Protein backbone atom coordinates (compact mmCIF):
# COMPACT_ATOMS: atom_id res chain seq x y z
CA MET A 1 38.34 2.91 -110.87
CA LYS A 2 39.04 5.94 -108.70
CA MET A 3 36.25 7.48 -106.63
CA ASN A 4 36.31 11.15 -105.78
CA LEU A 5 34.79 11.49 -102.33
CA THR A 6 34.57 14.84 -100.62
CA LYS A 7 34.35 14.74 -96.87
CA GLN A 8 32.70 17.65 -95.15
CA ARG A 9 33.50 17.98 -91.48
CA PHE A 10 30.77 17.48 -88.88
CA ASP A 11 31.52 20.93 -87.48
CA SER A 12 30.80 22.76 -90.74
CA LYS A 13 27.49 21.00 -91.28
CA MET A 14 26.44 21.57 -87.68
CA LEU A 15 27.36 25.25 -87.79
CA GLU A 16 25.18 25.72 -90.86
CA LYS A 17 22.28 23.87 -89.22
CA LEU A 18 22.64 26.07 -86.13
CA ARG A 19 22.70 29.34 -88.09
CA ASN A 20 20.19 31.79 -86.52
CA ARG A 21 19.13 29.21 -83.88
CA ARG A 22 19.46 28.31 -80.21
CA LEU A 23 20.58 24.94 -78.89
CA PHE A 24 20.58 24.28 -75.19
CA PHE A 25 21.49 21.48 -72.86
CA VAL A 26 19.82 20.96 -69.49
CA GLY A 27 21.38 18.61 -67.01
CA ASP A 28 24.09 17.76 -64.56
CA SER A 29 27.83 17.35 -65.05
CA ILE A 30 27.37 14.75 -67.80
CA GLY A 31 25.23 17.17 -69.82
CA ARG A 32 27.80 19.89 -69.20
CA ASN A 33 30.58 17.67 -70.53
CA GLN A 34 28.57 17.04 -73.70
CA TRP A 35 27.86 20.77 -74.06
CA GLU A 36 31.54 21.69 -73.60
CA SER A 37 32.59 19.04 -76.10
CA LEU A 38 30.18 20.34 -78.73
CA LEU A 39 31.28 23.92 -78.04
CA CYS A 40 34.92 22.92 -78.61
CA MET A 41 34.18 21.00 -81.81
CA LEU A 42 32.12 23.83 -83.29
CA SER A 43 34.64 26.51 -82.36
CA MET A 44 37.33 24.71 -84.34
CA ASP A 45 35.58 25.65 -87.60
CA ILE A 46 35.01 29.30 -86.71
CA SER A 47 37.99 31.26 -87.99
CA ASN A 48 37.36 34.44 -85.99
CA LYS A 49 37.67 33.16 -82.41
CA SER A 50 36.89 36.62 -81.00
CA SER A 51 33.37 36.28 -82.46
CA ILE A 52 32.60 33.53 -79.89
CA TYR A 53 31.77 34.83 -76.42
CA GLU A 54 29.78 34.14 -73.26
CA VAL A 55 26.93 36.67 -73.33
CA ASN A 56 27.04 37.42 -69.58
CA GLY A 57 30.83 37.67 -69.45
CA ASN A 58 31.13 34.52 -67.32
CA SER A 59 34.14 32.24 -67.37
CA ILE A 60 33.46 28.68 -68.52
CA THR A 61 35.47 27.16 -65.66
CA LYS A 62 33.80 26.25 -62.37
CA HIS A 63 30.53 27.95 -63.22
CA MET A 64 27.47 26.49 -61.55
CA SER A 65 24.24 27.85 -63.04
CA PHE A 66 23.95 28.68 -66.74
CA LEU A 67 26.23 29.65 -69.60
CA VAL A 68 25.30 31.07 -73.00
CA PHE A 69 27.90 31.15 -75.75
CA LYS A 70 27.12 33.09 -78.89
CA SER A 71 28.79 33.11 -82.28
CA ARG A 72 28.43 36.36 -84.20
CA ASP A 73 29.51 34.69 -87.46
CA TYR A 74 26.60 32.23 -87.41
CA ASN A 75 24.22 34.11 -85.10
CA HIS A 76 23.61 31.08 -82.91
CA THR A 77 23.76 30.40 -79.20
CA LEU A 78 24.85 27.23 -77.45
CA GLU A 79 23.42 27.26 -73.94
CA TYR A 80 23.83 25.16 -70.82
CA TYR A 81 21.46 25.21 -67.83
CA ARG A 82 22.45 23.24 -64.74
CA SER A 83 19.69 21.16 -63.25
CA GLN A 84 20.26 18.23 -60.93
CA PHE A 85 16.77 16.88 -61.53
CA LEU A 86 14.79 17.17 -64.75
CA VAL A 87 11.51 16.61 -62.93
CA PRO A 88 10.39 18.07 -59.60
CA GLN A 89 10.75 15.75 -56.65
CA GLY A 90 7.68 15.14 -54.60
CA ARG A 91 5.31 12.54 -53.30
CA ALA A 92 3.64 10.05 -55.57
CA PRO A 93 -0.02 10.77 -56.35
CA ALA A 94 -2.64 9.13 -54.14
CA GLY A 95 -3.51 5.58 -55.15
CA VAL A 96 -0.16 4.73 -56.73
CA PRO A 97 0.96 1.26 -55.57
CA LYS A 98 4.09 1.16 -53.43
CA LYS A 99 7.21 -0.54 -54.79
CA ARG A 100 7.98 -3.97 -53.41
């Protein structure tokens, strides 16, 4: 018996789910690597490469603060915001036991 299986690529499904939406990553270099990887995978399924651009005109290489890539074909943005710490550093509240 022969089974007819159709395989739809991850990229195509993800692009449709992102249509008219924003997706952003916040983090350090590890988060940036994940963001860049997703950006590369998604761009492989967009035929018109000139429709993908960084909204502020920034280069993706050696950029330190935030990047926002937009796809005109799907009207979505894939954003990255650099943040070393996801929570503010400060002193522990009064009454919190010290670590031993």
